[in-house]
PDB file of N, CA and C in Angstrom:
ATOM      1  N   MET A   1     -11.575  -7.503  18.133  1.00  0.00           N
ATOM      2  CA  MET A   1     -10.293  -7.059  17.642  1.00  0.00           C
ATOM      3  C   MET A   1      -9.290  -6.900  18.793  1.00  0.00           C
ATOM      4  N   ASP A   2      -9.754  -6.452  19.942  1.00  0.00           N
ATOM      5  CA  ASP A   2      -8.859  -6.285  21.092  1.00  0.00           C
ATOM      6  C   ASP A   2      -8.153  -7.578  21.458  1.00  0.00           C
ATOM      7  N   ASP A   3      -8.877  -8.702  21.391  1.00  0.00           N
ATOM      8  CA  ASP A   3      -8.269  -9.992  21.729  1.00  0.00           C
ATOM      9  C   ASP A   3      -7.119 -10.320  20.788  1.00  0.00           C
ATOM     10  N   ILE A   4      -7.325 -10.081  19.508  1.00  0.00           N
ATOM     11  CA  ILE A   4      -6.285 -10.353  18.511  1.00  0.00           C
ATOM     12  C   ILE A   4      -5.072  -9.470  18.773  1.00  0.00           C
ATOM     13  N   ILE A   5      -5.322  -8.194  18.989  1.00  0.00           N
ATOM     14  CA  ILE A   5      -4.234  -7.245  19.228  1.00  0.00           C
ATOM     15  C   ILE A   5      -3.452  -7.635  20.485  1.00  0.00           C
ATOM     16  N   ASN A   6      -4.158  -7.882  21.570  1.00  0.00           N
ATOM     17  CA  ASN A   6      -3.499  -8.217  22.842  1.00  0.00           C
ATOM     18  C   ASN A   6      -2.727  -9.528  22.768  1.00  0.00           C
ATOM     19  N   GLU A   7      -3.329 -10.542  22.159  1.00  0.00           N
ATOM     20  CA  GLU A   7      -2.672 -11.851  22.061  1.00  0.00           C
ATOM     21  C   GLU A   7      -1.408 -11.764  21.209  1.00  0.00           C
ATOM     22  N   ASN A   8      -1.509 -11.074  20.073  1.00  0.00           N
ATOM     23  CA  ASN A   8      -0.342 -10.939  19.210  1.00  0.00           C
ATOM     24  C   ASN A   8       0.758 -10.140  19.901  1.00  0.00           C
ATOM     25  N   TYR A   9       0.395  -9.013  20.480  1.00  0.00           N
ATOM     26  CA  TYR A   9       1.385  -8.166  21.156  1.00  0.00           C
ATOM     27  C   TYR A   9       2.102  -8.946  22.251  1.00  0.00           C
ATOM     28  N   GLN A  10       1.339  -9.647  23.083  1.00  0.00           N
ATOM     29  CA  GLN A  10       1.945 -10.401  24.184  1.00  0.00           C
ATOM     30  C   GLN A  10       2.872 -11.488  23.677  1.00  0.00           C
ATOM     31  N   SER A  11       2.501 -12.132  22.575  1.00  0.00           N
ATOM     32  CA  SER A  11       3.368 -13.191  22.038  1.00  0.00           C
ATOM     33  C   SER A  11       4.705 -12.624  21.570  1.00  0.00           C
ATOM     34  N   ILE A  12       4.697 -11.415  21.044  1.00  0.00           N
ATOM     35  CA  ILE A  12       5.938 -10.794  20.586  1.00  0.00           C
ATOM     36  C   ILE A  12       6.751 -10.293  21.781  1.00  0.00           C
ATOM     37  N   VAL A  13       6.076  -9.759  22.790  1.00  0.00           N
ATOM     38  CA  VAL A  13       6.766  -9.358  24.030  1.00  0.00           C
ATOM     39  C   VAL A  13       7.416 -10.587  24.667  1.00  0.00           C
ATOM     40  N   ASP A  14       6.671 -11.685  24.744  1.00  0.00           N
ATOM     41  CA  ASP A  14       7.189 -12.915  25.353  1.00  0.00           C
ATOM     42  C   ASP A  14       8.430 -13.432  24.630  1.00  0.00           C
ATOM     43  N   ARG A  15       8.522 -13.175  23.335  1.00  0.00           N
ATOM     44  CA  ARG A  15       9.696 -13.593  22.554  1.00  0.00           C
ATOM     45  C   ARG A  15      10.855 -12.614  22.719  1.00  0.00           C
ATOM     46  N   GLY A  16      10.615 -11.517  23.429  1.00  0.00           N
ATOM     47  CA  GLY A  16      11.665 -10.537  23.660  1.00  0.00           C
ATOM     48  C   GLY A  16      11.882  -9.576  22.506  1.00  0.00           C
ATOM     49  N   LEU A  17      10.930  -9.521  21.571  1.00  0.00           N
ATOM     50  CA  LEU A  17      11.087  -8.668  20.396  1.00  0.00           C
ATOM     51  C   LEU A  17      10.515  -7.268  20.586  1.00  0.00           C
ATOM     52  N   ILE A  18       9.711  -7.103  21.619  1.00  0.00           N
ATOM     53  CA  ILE A  18       9.198  -5.779  21.996  1.00  0.00           C
ATOM     54  C   ILE A  18       9.448  -5.625  23.486  1.00  0.00           C
ATOM     55  N   SER A  19       9.978  -4.455  23.851  1.00  0.00           N
ATOM     56  CA  SER A  19      10.209  -4.136  25.256  1.00  0.00           C
ATOM     57  C   SER A  19       9.826  -2.676  25.464  1.00  0.00           C
ATOM     58  N   PRO A  20       9.830  -2.212  26.697  1.00  0.00           N
ATOM     59  CA  PRO A  20       9.507  -0.795  26.923  1.00  0.00           C
ATOM     60  C   PRO A  20      10.413   0.164  26.144  1.00  0.00           C
ATOM     61  N   SER A  21      11.603  -0.283  25.786  1.00  0.00           N
ATOM     62  CA  SER A  21      12.531   0.597  25.070  1.00  0.00           C
ATOM     63  C   SER A  21      12.392   0.518  23.542  1.00  0.00           C
ATOM     64  N   THR A  22      11.474  -0.300  23.057  1.00  0.00           N
ATOM     65  CA  THR A  22      11.277  -0.378  21.610  1.00  0.00           C
ATOM     66  C   THR A  22      10.802   0.975  21.093  1.00  0.00           C
ATOM     67  N   SER A  23      11.508   1.483  20.095  1.00  0.00           N
ATOM     68  CA  SER A  23      11.238   2.832  19.596  1.00  0.00           C
ATOM     69  C   SER A  23      10.332   2.825  18.365  1.00  0.00           C
ATOM     70  N   VAL A  24       9.845   4.008  18.035  1.00  0.00           N
ATOM     71  CA  VAL A  24       9.071   4.168  16.800  1.00  0.00           C
ATOM     72  C   VAL A  24       9.920   3.696  15.626  1.00  0.00           C
ATOM     73  N   ASN A  25      11.176   4.079  15.628  1.00  0.00           N
ATOM     74  CA  ASN A  25      12.070   3.686  14.544  1.00  0.00           C
ATOM     75  C   ASN A  25      12.184   2.168  14.444  1.00  0.00           C
ATOM     76  N   ASP A  26      12.243   1.479  15.568  1.00  0.00           N
ATOM     77  CA  ASP A  26      12.295   0.010  15.561  1.00  0.00           C
ATOM     78  C   ASP A  26      11.058  -0.565  14.872  1.00  0.00           C
ATOM     79  N   PHE A  27       9.896  -0.013  15.200  1.00  0.00           N
ATOM     80  CA  PHE A  27       8.659  -0.494  14.571  1.00  0.00           C
ATOM     81  C   PHE A  27       8.655  -0.192  13.081  1.00  0.00           C
ATOM     82  N   LEU A  28       9.119   0.993  12.708  1.00  0.00           N
ATOM     83  CA  LEU A  28       9.118   1.369  11.293  1.00  0.00           C
ATOM     84  C   LEU A  28      10.086   0.510  10.486  1.00  0.00           C
ATOM     85  N   ILE A  29      11.228   0.210  11.048  1.00  0.00           N
ATOM     86  CA  ILE A  29      12.181  -0.672  10.372  1.00  0.00           C
ATOM     87  C   ILE A  29      11.560  -2.050  10.166  1.00  0.00           C
ATOM     88  N   LYS A  30      10.915  -2.560  11.210  1.00  0.00           N
ATOM     89  CA  LYS A  30      10.274  -3.878  11.104  1.00  0.00           C
ATOM     90  C   LYS A  30       9.151  -3.844  10.072  1.00  0.00           C
ATOM     91  N   ALA A  31       8.371  -2.769  10.052  1.00  0.00           N
ATOM     92  CA  ALA A  31       7.289  -2.648   9.073  1.00  0.00           C
ATOM     93  C   ALA A  31       7.852  -2.649   7.656  1.00  0.00           C
ATOM     94  N   LEU A  32       8.936  -1.916   7.436  1.00  0.00           N
ATOM     95  CA  LEU A  32       9.559  -1.889   6.106  1.00  0.00           C
ATOM     96  C   LEU A  32      10.075  -3.264   5.702  1.00  0.00           C
ATOM     97  N   GLU A  33      10.650  -3.993   6.643  1.00  0.00           N
ATOM     98  CA  GLU A  33      11.106  -5.359   6.361  1.00  0.00           C
ATOM     99  C   GLU A  33       9.934  -6.232   5.925  1.00  0.00           C
ATOM    100  N   GLU A  34       8.835  -6.106   6.643  1.00  0.00           N
ATOM    101  CA  GLU A  34       7.663  -6.934   6.329  1.00  0.00           C
ATOM    102  C   GLU A  34       7.031  -6.532   4.992  1.00  0.00           C
ATOM    103  N   VAL A  35       7.017  -5.239   4.685  1.00  0.00           N
ATOM    104  CA  VAL A  35       6.488  -4.786   3.390  1.00  0.00           C
ATOM    105  C   VAL A  35       7.374  -5.323   2.266  1.00  0.00           C
ATOM    106  N   ASP A  36       8.672  -5.303   2.474  1.00  0.00           N
ATOM    107  CA  ASP A  36       9.590  -5.852   1.480  1.00  0.00           C
ATOM    108  C   ASP A  36       9.318  -7.337   1.254  1.00  0.00           C
ATOM    109  N   GLU A  37       9.097  -8.077   2.332  1.00  0.00           N
ATOM    110  CA  GLU A  37       8.778  -9.498   2.203  1.00  0.00           C
ATOM    111  C   GLU A  37       7.447  -9.697   1.482  1.00  0.00           C
ATOM    112  N   LEU A  38       6.484  -8.830   1.745  1.00  0.00           N
ATOM    113  CA  LEU A  38       5.194  -8.905   1.055  1.00  0.00           C
ATOM    114  C   LEU A  38       5.381  -8.661  -0.441  1.00  0.00           C
ATOM    115  N   CYS A  39       6.166  -7.653  -0.783  1.00  0.00           N
ATOM    116  CA  CYS A  39       6.435  -7.361  -2.195  1.00  0.00           C
ATOM    117  C   CYS A  39       7.087  -8.552  -2.883  1.00  0.00           C
ATOM    118  N   ASN A  40       8.066  -9.145  -2.224  1.00  0.00           N
ATOM    119  CA  ASN A  40       8.746 -10.308  -2.807  1.00  0.00           C
ATOM    120  C   ASN A  40       7.802 -11.490  -2.967  1.00  0.00           C
ATOM    121  N   ALA A  41       6.936 -11.701  -2.001  1.00  0.00           N
ATOM    122  CA  ALA A  41       5.956 -12.799  -2.105  1.00  0.00           C
ATOM    123  C   ALA A  41       4.991 -12.533  -3.256  1.00  0.00           C
ATOM    124  N   TRP A  42       4.592 -11.292  -3.402  1.00  0.00           N
ATOM    125  CA  TRP A  42       3.639 -10.950  -4.457  1.00  0.00           C
ATOM    126  C   TRP A  42       4.283 -11.120  -5.834  1.00  0.00           C
ATOM    127  N   LYS A  43       5.530 -10.704  -5.941  1.00  0.00           N
ATOM    128  CA  LYS A  43       6.250 -10.855  -7.217  1.00  0.00           C
ATOM    129  C   LYS A  43       6.405 -12.323  -7.578  1.00  0.00           C
ATOM    130  N   GLY A  44       6.581 -13.150  -6.553  1.00  0.00           N
ATOM    131  CA  GLY A  44       6.742 -14.577  -6.783  1.00  0.00           C
ATOM    132  C   GLY A  44       5.430 -15.304  -7.002  1.00  0.00           C
ATOM    133  N   LEU A  45       4.330 -14.597  -6.844  1.00  0.00           N
ATOM    134  CA  LEU A  45       2.985 -15.164  -7.023  1.00  0.00           C
ATOM    135  C   LEU A  45       2.739 -16.388  -6.148  1.00  0.00           C
ATOM    136  N   ASP A  46       3.341 -16.388  -4.979  1.00  0.00           N
ATOM    137  CA  ASP A  46       3.142 -17.466  -4.019  1.00  0.00           C
ATOM    138  C   ASP A  46       1.974 -17.075  -3.121  1.00  0.00           C
ATOM    139  N   LYS A  47       0.795 -17.603  -3.396  1.00  0.00           N
ATOM    140  CA  LYS A  47      -0.431 -17.197  -2.698  1.00  0.00           C
ATOM    141  C   LYS A  47      -0.335 -17.392  -1.191  1.00  0.00           C
ATOM    142  N   TYR A  48       0.280 -18.486  -0.739  1.00  0.00           N
ATOM    143  CA  TYR A  48       0.395 -18.718   0.697  1.00  0.00           C
ATOM    144  C   TYR A  48       1.231 -17.627   1.339  1.00  0.00           C
ATOM    145  N   ASN A  49       2.390 -17.352   0.772  1.00  0.00           N
ATOM    146  CA  ASN A  49       3.262 -16.343   1.363  1.00  0.00           C
ATOM    147  C   ASN A  49       2.666 -14.951   1.261  1.00  0.00           C
ATOM    148  N   GLN A  50       1.900 -14.673   0.207  1.00  0.00           N
ATOM    149  CA  GLN A  50       1.249 -13.371   0.094  1.00  0.00           C
ATOM    150  C   GLN A  50       0.357 -13.130   1.293  1.00  0.00           C
ATOM    151  N   LYS A  51      -0.445 -14.105   1.630  1.00  0.00           N
ATOM    152  CA  LYS A  51      -1.374 -13.977   2.752  1.00  0.00           C
ATOM    153  C   LYS A  51      -0.627 -13.826   4.072  1.00  0.00           C
ATOM    154  N   GLU A  52       0.383 -14.661   4.262  1.00  0.00           N
ATOM    155  CA  GLU A  52       1.148 -14.623   5.504  1.00  0.00           C
ATOM    156  C   GLU A  52       1.895 -13.294   5.648  1.00  0.00           C
ATOM    157  N   GLU A  53       2.497 -12.836   4.572  1.00  0.00           N
ATOM    158  CA  GLU A  53       3.255 -11.587   4.635  1.00  0.00           C
ATOM    159  C   GLU A  53       2.342 -10.381   4.828  1.00  0.00           C
ATOM    160  N   LEU A  54       1.159 -10.407   4.233  1.00  0.00           N
ATOM    161  CA  LEU A  54       0.196  -9.331   4.463  1.00  0.00           C
ATOM    162  C   LEU A  54      -0.200  -9.298   5.937  1.00  0.00           C
ATOM    163  N   ALA A  55      -0.427 -10.460   6.514  1.00  0.00           N
ATOM    164  CA  ALA A  55      -0.759 -10.539   7.939  1.00  0.00           C
ATOM    165  C   ALA A  55       0.389 -10.004   8.785  1.00  0.00           C
ATOM    166  N   ASP A  56       1.630 -10.299   8.395  1.00  0.00           N
ATOM    167  CA  ASP A  56       2.785  -9.788   9.142  1.00  0.00           C
ATOM    168  C   ASP A  56       2.822  -8.266   9.144  1.00  0.00           C
ATOM    169  N   VAL A  57       2.559  -7.653   7.987  1.00  0.00           N
ATOM    170  CA  VAL A  57       2.553  -6.187   7.898  1.00  0.00           C
ATOM    171  C   VAL A  57       1.501  -5.616   8.846  1.00  0.00           C
ATOM    172  N   ILE A  58       0.314  -6.204   8.811  1.00  0.00           N
ATOM    173  CA  ILE A  58      -0.788  -5.731   9.656  1.00  0.00           C
ATOM    174  C   ILE A  58      -0.441  -5.909  11.123  1.00  0.00           C
ATOM    175  N   MET A  59       0.147  -7.046  11.480  1.00  0.00           N
ATOM    176  CA  MET A  59       0.471  -7.307  12.883  1.00  0.00           C
ATOM    177  C   MET A  59       1.520  -6.339  13.419  1.00  0.00           C
ATOM    178  N   VAL A  60       2.504  -5.971  12.597  1.00  0.00           N
ATOM    179  CA  VAL A  60       3.495  -4.987  13.047  1.00  0.00           C
ATOM    180  C   VAL A  60       2.800  -3.660  13.341  1.00  0.00           C
ATOM    181  N   CYS A  61       1.886  -3.263  12.471  1.00  0.00           N
ATOM    182  CA  CYS A  61       1.153  -2.008  12.680  1.00  0.00           C
ATOM    183  C   CYS A  61       0.287  -2.075  13.934  1.00  0.00           C
ATOM    184  N   LEU A  62      -0.368  -3.205  14.154  1.00  0.00           N
ATOM    185  CA  LEU A  62      -1.183  -3.369  15.362  1.00  0.00           C
ATOM    186  C   LEU A  62      -0.311  -3.329  16.613  1.00  0.00           C
ATOM    187  N   ASN A  63       0.857  -3.956  16.540  1.00  0.00           N
ATOM    188  CA  ASN A  63       1.775  -3.939  17.687  1.00  0.00           C
ATOM    189  C   ASN A  63       2.247  -2.528  17.988  1.00  0.00           C
ATOM    190  N   MET A  64       2.530  -1.768  16.952  1.00  0.00           N
ATOM    191  CA  MET A  64       2.964  -0.379  17.148  1.00  0.00           C
ATOM    192  C   MET A  64       1.858   0.434  17.816  1.00  0.00           C
ATOM    193  N   ALA A  65       0.639   0.254  17.339  1.00  0.00           N
ATOM    194  CA  ALA A  65      -0.494   0.969  17.941  1.00  0.00           C
ATOM    195  C   ALA A  65      -0.650   0.583  19.409  1.00  0.00           C
ATOM    196  N   LYS A  66      -0.588  -0.683  19.703  1.00  0.00           N
ATOM    197  CA  LYS A  66      -0.725  -1.154  21.088  1.00  0.00           C
ATOM    198  C   LYS A  66       0.391  -0.586  21.963  1.00  0.00           C
ATOM    199  N   HIS A  67       1.604  -0.608  21.455  1.00  0.00           N
ATOM    200  CA  HIS A  67       2.765  -0.146  22.209  1.00  0.00           C
ATOM    201  C   HIS A  67       2.640   1.325  22.585  1.00  0.00           C
ATOM    202  N   TYR A  68       2.039   2.103  21.691  1.00  0.00           N
ATOM    203  CA  TYR A  68       1.907   3.544  21.918  1.00  0.00           C
ATOM    204  C   TYR A  68       0.494   3.955  22.334  1.00  0.00           C
ATOM    205  N   ASN A  69      -0.253   2.983  22.846  1.00  0.00           N
ATOM    206  CA  ASN A  69      -1.597   3.231  23.394  1.00  0.00           C
ATOM    207  C   ASN A  69      -2.521   3.952  22.415  1.00  0.00           C
ATOM    208  N   ILE A  70      -2.481   3.530  21.168  1.00  0.00           N
ATOM    209  CA  ILE A  70      -3.379   4.063  20.151  1.00  0.00           C
ATOM    210  C   ILE A  70      -4.537   3.092  20.004  1.00  0.00           C
ATOM    211  N   ASP A  71      -5.739   3.592  20.133  1.00  0.00           N
ATOM    212  CA  ASP A  71      -6.936   2.772  19.922  1.00  0.00           C
ATOM    213  C   ASP A  71      -7.121   2.631  18.414  1.00  0.00           C
ATOM    214  N   ILE A  72      -6.459   1.627  17.850  1.00  0.00           N
ATOM    215  CA  ILE A  72      -6.418   1.493  16.394  1.00  0.00           C
ATOM    216  C   ILE A  72      -7.791   1.187  15.812  1.00  0.00           C
ATOM    217  N   GLU A  73      -8.618   0.481  16.544  1.00  0.00           N
ATOM    218  CA  GLU A  73      -9.974   0.211  16.037  1.00  0.00           C
ATOM    219  C   GLU A  73     -10.726   1.523  15.854  1.00  0.00           C
ATOM    220  N   GLN A  74     -10.629   2.419  16.830  1.00  0.00           N
ATOM    221  CA  GLN A  74     -11.294   3.719  16.711  1.00  0.00           C
ATOM    222  C   GLN A  74     -10.668   4.546  15.591  1.00  0.00           C
ATOM    223  N   GLU A  75      -9.364   4.491  15.472  1.00  0.00           N
ATOM    224  CA  GLU A  75      -8.689   5.255  14.417  1.00  0.00           C
ATOM    225  C   GLU A  75      -9.074   4.756  13.029  1.00  0.00           C
ATOM    226  N   ILE A  76      -9.268   3.463  12.888  1.00  0.00           N
ATOM    227  CA  ILE A  76      -9.731   2.912  11.609  1.00  0.00           C
ATOM    228  C   ILE A  76     -11.143   3.403  11.314  1.00  0.00           C
ATOM    229  N   LYS A  77     -11.993   3.386  12.322  1.00  0.00           N
ATOM    230  CA  LYS A  77     -13.357   3.899  12.131  1.00  0.00           C
ATOM    231  C   LYS A  77     -13.319   5.373  11.748  1.00  0.00           C
ATOM    232  N   ASN A  78     -12.477   6.156  12.407  1.00  0.00           N
ATOM    233  CA  ASN A  78     -12.346   7.576  12.071  1.00  0.00           C
ATOM    234  C   ASN A  78     -11.901   7.754  10.624  1.00  0.00           C
ATOM    235  N   LYS A  79     -10.954   6.952  10.199  1.00  0.00           N
ATOM    236  CA  LYS A  79     -10.440   7.050   8.835  1.00  0.00           C
ATOM    237  C   LYS A  79     -11.497   6.662   7.814  1.00  0.00           C
ATOM    238  N   ILE A  80     -12.313   5.689   8.131  1.00  0.00           N
ATOM    239  CA  ILE A  80     -13.410   5.301   7.235  1.00  0.00           C
ATOM    240  C   ILE A  80     -14.351   6.480   7.029  1.00  0.00           C
ATOM    241  N   GLU A  81     -14.650   7.195   8.107  1.00  0.00           N
ATOM    242  CA  GLU A  81     -15.520   8.365   8.001  1.00  0.00           C
ATOM    243  C   GLU A  81     -14.887   9.451   7.132  1.00  0.00           C
ATOM    244  N   VAL A  82     -13.598   9.666   7.289  1.00  0.00           N
ATOM    245  CA  VAL A  82     -12.881  10.630   6.446  1.00  0.00           C
ATOM    246  C   VAL A  82     -12.990  10.205   4.981  1.00  0.00           C
ATOM    247  N   ASN A  83     -12.789   8.937   4.712  1.00  0.00           N
ATOM    248  CA  ASN A  83     -12.866   8.440   3.343  1.00  0.00           C
ATOM    249  C   ASN A  83     -14.271   8.577   2.766  1.00  0.00           C
ATOM    250  N   LYS A  84     -15.276   8.340   3.584  1.00  0.00           N
ATOM    251  CA  LYS A  84     -16.659   8.507   3.129  1.00  0.00           C
ATOM    252  C   LYS A  84     -16.921   9.958   2.732  1.00  0.00           C
ATOM    253  N   LYS A  85     -16.441  10.885   3.551  1.00  0.00           N
ATOM    254  CA  LYS A  85     -16.635  12.307   3.252  1.00  0.00           C
ATOM    255  C   LYS A  85     -15.912  12.693   1.975  1.00  0.00           C
ATOM    256  N   ARG A  86     -14.736  12.148   1.763  1.00  0.00           N
ATOM    257  CA  ARG A  86     -13.988  12.426   0.532  1.00  0.00           C
ATOM    258  C   ARG A  86     -14.731  11.906  -0.687  1.00  0.00           C
ATOM    259  N   ALA A  87     -15.411  10.795  -0.540  1.00  0.00           N
ATOM    260  CA  ALA A  87     -16.138  10.193  -1.659  1.00  0.00           C
ATOM    261  C   ALA A  87     -17.324  11.071  -2.069  1.00  0.00           C
ATOM    262  N   LEU A  88     -17.828  11.873  -1.154  1.00  0.00           N
ATOM    263  CA  LEU A  88     -18.987  12.727  -1.432  1.00  0.00           C
ATOM    264  C   LEU A  88     -18.604  14.006  -2.170  1.00  0.00           C
ATOM    265  N   LYS A  89     -17.329  14.308  -2.197  1.00  0.00           N
ATOM    266  CA  LYS A  89     -16.879  15.559  -2.840  1.00  0.00           C
ATOM    267  C   LYS A  89     -16.809  15.419  -4.333  1.00  0.00           C
TER     268      LYS A  89
END
């Protein structure tokens, strides 16, 4: 997973879309744009665009985690454990 995260992040940095000054708000705005595109693709029942737009949403989230030094793989594992415990209640 680290390779995917690093490669994607670097490609966006290289395009000038992420810089040290990129803010949380910038990431959240981009995430909302991508979610909107995903919703539109889903409404249109375009299977190709659904997949691509879902990947875009995930990549924005991964980029945000990388930018703010969040070990997203560990956080996902932590969340899975929380969900497992909730299922036992």
